Amino acid sequence: MMRIILCLLVLVTVVSFGCVEKTEQGEQVKPFTPPVDGKITNQQKDAYIKASIALGSAMDKYSLKIKEFSEKYEIRDDLSQLSDTVFLNEHSEIKRAWGELDEEWKKMQKEAYKSGGISEIEFNWTGGALTDTINTVIQKAVEKALTTVAESETEKEKVE
């Protein structure tokens, strides 16, 4: 009997450790479960804003990298050549460089979510939940925060 109890205890422990996600670095992240009432919390709002700002910055940096890539390899502005498998197979260096750039973007995204203290899944849920009328007050606060950031960035650009 004692042996069965010990086995069950070990099984419960193993299962409980399996109920969290692990990132590439091995750190554990609790899986996100949307709230039943569909309401965004203030903590989620703040994390969403931080991550959105970080993603905006990452997109600006990535856009410059794409521009440099396009100029270096003489790729059309619409990047349509990169969806042409014949072109990519004929230009293995471009294919490799594009793959590296794609991996860099994925890392930049992960860092943006991490800086906001939010997972990509929760970020996406929050973005979708902002359209629900139950979150109108939060939606307006997010819009105001992100608009203020965008306006201050525009002012910085004018000064430079």
Foldseek 3Di string as FASTA:
>chain_A
DVVVVVVVVVVVVVVVVVQWDADPVGDTDHDDDQDPVLEDDPLLLQLLLQLVVLLVVLVVVLVVVVVVLCVVVVADPVNPLLVVPVSCVVPVVNVVVVVVSVVVSVVSSCVSSVRSVHDPVSSVSVVVSLVDPVHVVSVVVSVVSVVVVVVVVVVVVVVD
